[in-house]
Amino acid sequence: MRTWVSGLVGSALLGLGMLGCDGKPSVETSTTEAKVKGTVTIKGKLATKGKVVFDPSNYKRKNESVRQADISADGTYEITTLIGPNTVKVDSAEAAKAASLYETYVYDVPAGESTFDIKIPKDQ
């Protein structure tokens, strides 16, 4: 019982620590851009068309627009977006057929250049 209560109290304190002074979670506010490249694989095969969409907006960056990049015939993409968490999705007919739900990913974009490979469905 004591361990359970300690865990509950610890979780509550951790949750409160993640909130900012205004009661909202802290989020990225930077407008620094970074390059991300990678490949898109659908059911184990490289995608041949479609778009990769990165959305860097949050409640403090609510006016930021989504960033889109075409998927090349070899399954690769390259995009410039803002650092910090980005919601990522693939917009293609191939991806829609492969996943039972429209899958989204969250990628925490670091400064500089990075690689983020996308696999659809996620468990492959």
N, C-alpha and C. Protein backbone atom coordinates (compact mmCIF):
# COMPACT_ATOMS: atom_id res chain seq x y z
N MET A 1 0.83 -1.19 0.00
CA MET A 1 0.00 0.00 0.00
C MET A 1 0.88 1.25 0.00
N ARG A 2 1.90 1.25 0.83
CA ARG A 2 2.77 2.42 0.94
C ARG A 2 3.47 2.70 -0.40
N THR A 3 3.93 1.63 -1.09
CA THR A 3 4.60 1.79 -2.38
C THR A 3 3.63 2.39 -3.41
N TRP A 4 2.41 1.91 -3.43
CA TRP A 4 1.41 2.40 -4.36
C TRP A 4 1.13 3.89 -4.13
N VAL A 5 0.98 4.29 -2.86
CA VAL A 5 0.72 5.69 -2.53
C VAL A 5 1.92 6.54 -2.91
N SER A 6 3.13 6.06 -2.63
CA SER A 6 4.35 6.81 -2.98
C SER A 6 4.42 7.01 -4.49
N GLY A 7 4.10 5.96 -5.25
CA GLY A 7 4.11 6.06 -6.71
C GLY A 7 3.08 7.06 -7.21
N LEU A 8 1.91 7.06 -6.59
CA LEU A 8 0.85 7.98 -6.98
C LEU A 8 1.25 9.42 -6.70
N VAL A 9 1.82 9.67 -5.54
CA VAL A 9 2.27 11.02 -5.18
C VAL A 9 3.39 11.45 -6.10
N GLY A 10 4.35 10.55 -6.38
CA GLY A 10 5.46 10.87 -7.28
C GLY A 10 4.97 11.21 -8.68
N SER A 11 4.00 10.46 -9.18
CA SER A 11 3.44 10.73 -10.50
C SER A 11 2.74 12.08 -10.53
N ALA A 12 2.01 12.39 -9.48
CA ALA A 12 1.31 13.68 -9.43
C ALA A 12 2.30 14.83 -9.42
N LEU A 13 3.36 14.71 -8.63
CA LEU A 13 4.37 15.77 -8.58
C LEU A 13 5.09 15.93 -9.91
N LEU A 14 5.39 14.81 -10.56
CA LEU A 14 6.03 14.86 -11.88
C LEU A 14 5.11 15.56 -12.88
N GLY A 15 3.84 15.23 -12.84
CA GLY A 15 2.88 15.86 -13.74
C GLY A 15 2.79 17.36 -13.50
N LEU A 16 2.79 17.78 -12.26
CA LEU A 16 2.75 19.20 -11.94
C LEU A 16 4.03 19.90 -12.38
N GLY A 17 5.15 19.21 -12.27
CA GLY A 17 6.43 19.79 -12.67
C GLY A 17 6.51 20.04 -14.16
N MET A 18 5.75 19.28 -14.96
CA MET A 18 5.77 19.45 -16.41
C MET A 18 4.90 20.62 -16.84
N LEU A 19 4.06 21.12 -15.98
CA LEU A 19 3.21 22.25 -16.31
C LEU A 19 3.94 23.55 -16.11
N GLY A 20 3.67 24.51 -16.96
CA GLY A 20 4.26 25.83 -16.77
C GLY A 20 3.51 26.58 -15.70
N CYS A 21 3.91 27.82 -15.46
CA CYS A 21 3.27 28.63 -14.42
C CYS A 21 1.81 28.92 -14.74
N ASP A 22 1.44 28.92 -16.01
CA ASP A 22 0.06 29.22 -16.38
C ASP A 22 -0.82 27.97 -16.41
N GLY A 23 -0.29 26.82 -15.95
CA GLY A 23 -1.07 25.60 -15.90
C GLY A 23 -1.05 24.81 -17.19
N LYS A 24 -0.37 25.29 -18.22
CA LYS A 24 -0.27 24.57 -19.48
C LYS A 24 1.09 23.90 -19.56
N PRO A 25 1.19 22.80 -20.32
CA PRO A 25 2.48 22.14 -20.44
C PRO A 25 3.47 23.04 -21.18
N SER A 26 4.75 22.89 -20.83
CA SER A 26 5.75 23.69 -21.54
C SER A 26 5.89 23.14 -22.96
N VAL A 27 6.03 24.04 -23.91
CA VAL A 27 6.16 23.66 -25.32
C VAL A 27 7.27 24.47 -25.96
N GLU A 28 7.70 24.01 -27.11
CA GLU A 28 8.76 24.69 -27.85
C GLU A 28 8.23 26.00 -28.43
N THR A 29 9.00 27.06 -28.30
CA THR A 29 8.62 28.36 -28.86
C THR A 29 9.60 28.82 -29.93
N SER A 30 10.69 28.10 -30.12
CA SER A 30 11.73 28.50 -31.05
C SER A 30 11.22 28.55 -32.49
N THR A 31 11.77 29.48 -33.25
CA THR A 31 11.48 29.54 -34.69
C THR A 31 12.71 29.13 -35.50
N THR A 32 13.64 28.42 -34.84
CA THR A 32 14.82 27.90 -35.51
C THR A 32 14.43 26.74 -36.41
N GLU A 33 14.91 26.77 -37.63
CA GLU A 33 14.58 25.70 -38.59
C GLU A 33 15.68 24.65 -38.62
N ALA A 34 15.31 23.45 -39.00
CA ALA A 34 16.25 22.34 -39.14
C ALA A 34 15.81 21.48 -40.32
N LYS A 35 16.77 20.76 -40.90
CA LYS A 35 16.47 19.86 -42.02
C LYS A 35 16.28 18.45 -41.50
N VAL A 36 15.27 17.79 -42.05
CA VAL A 36 15.01 16.38 -41.73
C VAL A 36 14.92 15.65 -43.06
N LYS A 37 15.56 14.50 -43.12
CA LYS A 37 15.46 13.66 -44.31
C LYS A 37 15.19 12.24 -43.85
N GLY A 38 14.74 11.41 -44.76
CA GLY A 38 14.47 10.03 -44.41
C GLY A 38 13.82 9.28 -45.54
N THR A 39 13.37 8.09 -45.23
CA THR A 39 12.66 7.27 -46.21
C THR A 39 11.29 6.92 -45.65
N VAL A 40 10.37 6.66 -46.56
CA VAL A 40 9.03 6.23 -46.20
C VAL A 40 8.86 4.81 -46.72
N THR A 41 8.54 3.90 -45.80
CA THR A 41 8.34 2.50 -46.15
C THR A 41 6.89 2.13 -45.83
N ILE A 42 6.23 1.53 -46.80
CA ILE A 42 4.84 1.11 -46.61
C ILE A 42 4.77 -0.39 -46.82
N LYS A 43 4.38 -1.09 -45.77
CA LYS A 43 4.32 -2.56 -45.77
C LYS A 43 5.63 -3.16 -46.27
N GLY A 44 6.74 -2.60 -45.81
CA GLY A 44 8.06 -3.14 -46.12
C GLY A 44 8.64 -2.71 -47.45
N LYS A 45 7.90 -1.93 -48.24
CA LYS A 45 8.39 -1.47 -49.54
C LYS A 45 8.49 0.04 -49.53
N LEU A 46 9.50 0.57 -50.23
CA LEU A 46 9.65 2.02 -50.30
C LEU A 46 8.46 2.66 -50.99
N ALA A 47 7.96 3.73 -50.42
CA ALA A 47 6.87 4.49 -51.05
C ALA A 47 7.41 5.10 -52.34
N THR A 48 6.54 5.32 -53.30
CA THR A 48 6.98 5.88 -54.58
C THR A 48 6.36 7.24 -54.88
N LYS A 49 5.37 7.64 -54.08
CA LYS A 49 4.75 8.95 -54.29
C LYS A 49 4.00 9.35 -53.04
N GLY A 50 3.56 10.59 -53.05
CA GLY A 50 2.83 11.13 -51.90
C GLY A 50 3.59 12.28 -51.28
N LYS A 51 3.15 12.68 -50.11
CA LYS A 51 3.77 13.79 -49.38
C LYS A 51 3.98 13.40 -47.93
N VAL A 52 5.04 13.96 -47.36
CA VAL A 52 5.28 13.87 -45.93
C VAL A 52 4.94 15.24 -45.37
N VAL A 53 4.13 15.27 -44.30
CA VAL A 53 3.66 16.53 -43.72
C VAL A 53 4.16 16.63 -42.28
N PHE A 54 4.88 17.72 -41.98
CA PHE A 54 5.35 18.00 -40.62
C PHE A 54 4.57 19.22 -40.12
N ASP A 55 4.00 19.10 -38.93
CA ASP A 55 3.24 20.20 -38.33
C ASP A 55 3.91 20.60 -37.01
N PRO A 56 4.63 21.75 -37.00
CA PRO A 56 5.33 22.18 -35.79
C PRO A 56 4.48 23.04 -34.85
N SER A 57 3.21 23.26 -35.18
CA SER A 57 2.40 24.18 -34.38
C SER A 57 2.08 23.60 -33.01
N ASN A 58 1.87 24.49 -32.06
CA ASN A 58 1.41 24.16 -30.72
C ASN A 58 0.72 25.42 -30.19
N TYR A 59 0.31 25.44 -28.93
CA TYR A 59 -0.46 26.60 -28.47
C TYR A 59 0.36 27.88 -28.41
N LYS A 60 1.68 27.79 -28.42
CA LYS A 60 2.51 28.99 -28.47
C LYS A 60 3.01 29.29 -29.88
N ARG A 61 2.92 28.33 -30.77
CA ARG A 61 3.29 28.51 -32.18
C ARG A 61 2.07 28.21 -33.04
N LYS A 62 0.93 28.77 -32.66
CA LYS A 62 -0.32 28.43 -33.34
C LYS A 62 -0.43 28.98 -34.75
N ASN A 63 0.37 29.97 -35.11
CA ASN A 63 0.31 30.53 -36.46
C ASN A 63 1.30 29.89 -37.42
N GLU A 64 2.02 28.88 -36.96
CA GLU A 64 2.96 28.18 -37.84
C GLU A 64 2.19 27.25 -38.76
N SER A 65 2.56 27.27 -40.02
CA SER A 65 1.89 26.41 -40.99
C SER A 65 2.60 25.07 -41.11
N VAL A 66 1.90 24.11 -41.64
CA VAL A 66 2.49 22.79 -41.86
C VAL A 66 3.53 22.90 -42.96
N ARG A 67 4.48 21.99 -42.92
CA ARG A 67 5.53 21.91 -43.94
C ARG A 67 5.32 20.60 -44.68
N GLN A 68 5.45 20.65 -46.02
CA GLN A 68 5.22 19.46 -46.83
C GLN A 68 6.40 19.20 -47.74
N ALA A 69 6.67 17.93 -47.99
CA ALA A 69 7.72 17.54 -48.93
C ALA A 69 7.22 16.36 -49.74
N ASP A 70 7.54 16.36 -51.01
CA ASP A 70 7.19 15.23 -51.86
C ASP A 70 8.05 14.01 -51.52
N ILE A 71 7.45 12.84 -51.65
CA ILE A 71 8.19 11.60 -51.53
C ILE A 71 8.73 11.28 -52.92
N SER A 72 10.03 11.12 -53.03
CA SER A 72 10.64 10.82 -54.32
C SER A 72 10.35 9.38 -54.73
N ALA A 73 10.60 9.06 -55.98
CA ALA A 73 10.35 7.71 -56.51
C ALA A 73 11.16 6.64 -55.77
N ASP A 74 12.27 7.05 -55.14
CA ASP A 74 13.09 6.09 -54.37
C ASP A 74 12.69 6.03 -52.90
N GLY A 75 11.57 6.66 -52.53
CA GLY A 75 11.06 6.59 -51.16
C GLY A 75 11.63 7.62 -50.21
N THR A 76 12.48 8.52 -50.68
CA THR A 76 13.10 9.49 -49.79
C THR A 76 12.34 10.81 -49.78
N TYR A 77 12.58 11.57 -48.73
CA TYR A 77 12.04 12.92 -48.62
C TYR A 77 13.05 13.79 -47.89
N GLU A 78 12.94 15.09 -48.07
CA GLU A 78 13.75 16.06 -47.33
C GLU A 78 12.88 17.27 -47.08
N ILE A 79 12.90 17.76 -45.83
CA ILE A 79 12.01 18.84 -45.45
C ILE A 79 12.72 19.76 -44.46
N THR A 80 12.32 21.02 -44.45
CA THR A 80 12.80 21.98 -43.46
C THR A 80 11.61 22.35 -42.59
N THR A 81 11.78 22.22 -41.27
CA THR A 81 10.70 22.52 -40.34
C THR A 81 11.31 23.13 -39.08
N LEU A 82 10.49 23.44 -38.11
CA LEU A 82 10.97 24.03 -36.87
C LEU A 82 11.45 22.95 -35.90
N ILE A 83 12.46 23.30 -35.09
CA ILE A 83 12.92 22.34 -34.10
C ILE A 83 11.84 22.13 -33.05
N GLY A 84 11.95 21.01 -32.36
CA GLY A 84 10.96 20.66 -31.34
C GLY A 84 9.96 19.65 -31.89
N PRO A 85 8.97 19.30 -31.09
CA PRO A 85 8.00 18.29 -31.51
C PRO A 85 7.21 18.72 -32.74
N ASN A 86 7.13 17.81 -33.70
CA ASN A 86 6.34 17.99 -34.91
C ASN A 86 5.44 16.78 -35.05
N THR A 87 4.19 16.99 -35.37
CA THR A 87 3.29 15.90 -35.72
C THR A 87 3.55 15.59 -37.19
N VAL A 88 3.77 14.31 -37.49
CA VAL A 88 4.15 13.90 -38.84
C VAL A 88 3.12 12.92 -39.37
N LYS A 89 2.74 13.11 -40.62
CA LYS A 89 1.88 12.14 -41.29
C LYS A 89 2.27 12.02 -42.75
N VAL A 90 1.86 10.94 -43.35
CA VAL A 90 2.12 10.70 -44.76
C VAL A 90 0.80 10.80 -45.49
N ASP A 91 0.78 11.62 -46.52
CA ASP A 91 -0.41 11.83 -47.32
C ASP A 91 -0.22 11.14 -48.66
N SER A 92 -0.73 9.92 -48.76
CA SER A 92 -0.64 9.18 -50.02
C SER A 92 -1.70 8.09 -50.04
N ALA A 93 -2.10 7.71 -51.24
CA ALA A 93 -3.07 6.63 -51.38
C ALA A 93 -2.48 5.32 -50.88
N GLU A 94 -1.18 5.10 -51.13
CA GLU A 94 -0.51 3.87 -50.66
C GLU A 94 -0.59 3.75 -49.14
N ALA A 95 -0.30 4.86 -48.45
CA ALA A 95 -0.31 4.86 -46.99
C ALA A 95 -1.72 4.63 -46.45
N ALA A 96 -2.71 5.25 -47.07
CA ALA A 96 -4.09 5.11 -46.62
C ALA A 96 -4.56 3.66 -46.72
N LYS A 97 -4.13 2.95 -47.76
CA LYS A 97 -4.52 1.54 -47.92
C LYS A 97 -3.81 0.64 -46.92
N ALA A 98 -2.59 1.01 -46.54
CA ALA A 98 -1.77 0.15 -45.69
C ALA A 98 -2.11 0.23 -44.21
N ALA A 99 -2.66 1.33 -43.78
CA ALA A 99 -2.94 1.51 -42.36
C ALA A 99 -4.44 1.56 -42.13
N SER A 100 -4.88 0.88 -41.07
CA SER A 100 -6.31 0.88 -40.78
C SER A 100 -6.76 2.26 -40.29
N LEU A 101 -5.86 3.00 -39.69
CA LEU A 101 -6.15 4.36 -39.26
C LEU A 101 -5.14 5.28 -39.94
N TYR A 102 -5.47 6.54 -40.05
CA TYR A 102 -4.53 7.50 -40.59
C TYR A 102 -3.47 7.74 -39.53
N GLU A 103 -2.35 7.06 -39.65
CA GLU A 103 -1.33 7.08 -38.60
C GLU A 103 -0.59 8.41 -38.56
N THR A 104 -0.34 8.86 -37.34
CA THR A 104 0.48 10.05 -37.14
C THR A 104 1.64 9.67 -36.23
N TYR A 105 2.70 10.41 -36.35
CA TYR A 105 3.91 10.20 -35.58
C TYR A 105 4.28 11.53 -34.95
N VAL A 106 5.05 11.50 -33.89
CA VAL A 106 5.59 12.72 -33.32
C VAL A 106 7.11 12.58 -33.36
N TYR A 107 7.75 13.54 -34.00
CA TYR A 107 9.21 13.54 -34.09
C TYR A 107 9.72 14.83 -33.48
N ASP A 108 10.61 14.69 -32.49
CA ASP A 108 11.21 15.84 -31.82
C ASP A 108 12.42 16.26 -32.64
N VAL A 109 12.25 17.24 -33.49
CA VAL A 109 13.27 17.66 -34.44
C VAL A 109 14.41 18.38 -33.70
N PRO A 110 15.64 17.85 -33.81
CA PRO A 110 16.77 18.53 -33.18
C PRO A 110 17.32 19.61 -34.11
N ALA A 111 18.16 20.49 -33.56
CA ALA A 111 18.82 21.50 -34.39
C ALA A 111 19.75 20.81 -35.37
N GLY A 112 20.01 21.47 -36.50
CA GLY A 112 20.92 20.90 -37.50
C GLY A 112 20.17 20.00 -38.46
N GLU A 113 20.81 18.91 -38.84
CA GLU A 113 20.21 17.94 -39.75
C GLU A 113 19.97 16.63 -39.02
N SER A 114 18.89 15.95 -39.37
CA SER A 114 18.59 14.66 -38.76
C SER A 114 17.87 13.76 -39.75
N THR A 115 17.75 12.50 -39.37
CA THR A 115 17.07 11.51 -40.20
C THR A 115 15.90 10.94 -39.43
N PHE A 116 14.74 10.88 -40.08
CA PHE A 116 13.55 10.28 -39.49
C PHE A 116 12.91 9.40 -40.55
N ASP A 117 13.08 8.08 -40.39
CA ASP A 117 12.48 7.12 -41.31
C ASP A 117 11.08 6.76 -40.82
N ILE A 118 10.15 6.74 -41.76
CA ILE A 118 8.74 6.50 -41.42
C ILE A 118 8.33 5.13 -41.95
N LYS A 119 7.79 4.30 -41.06
CA LYS A 119 7.32 2.96 -41.45
C LYS A 119 5.81 2.90 -41.24
N ILE A 120 5.12 2.48 -42.28
CA ILE A 120 3.66 2.33 -42.23
C ILE A 120 3.32 0.90 -42.59
N PRO A 121 2.54 0.20 -41.79
CA PRO A 121 2.08 0.60 -40.46
C PRO A 121 3.24 0.66 -39.48
N LYS A 122 2.98 1.32 -38.34
CA LYS A 122 4.03 1.58 -37.36
C LYS A 122 4.73 0.32 -36.86
N ASP A 123 4.01 -0.78 -36.76
CA ASP A 123 4.58 -2.00 -36.16
C ASP A 123 5.43 -2.81 -37.12
N GLN A 124 5.73 -2.31 -38.30
CA GLN A 124 6.56 -3.08 -39.25
C GLN A 124 7.95 -2.56 -39.30
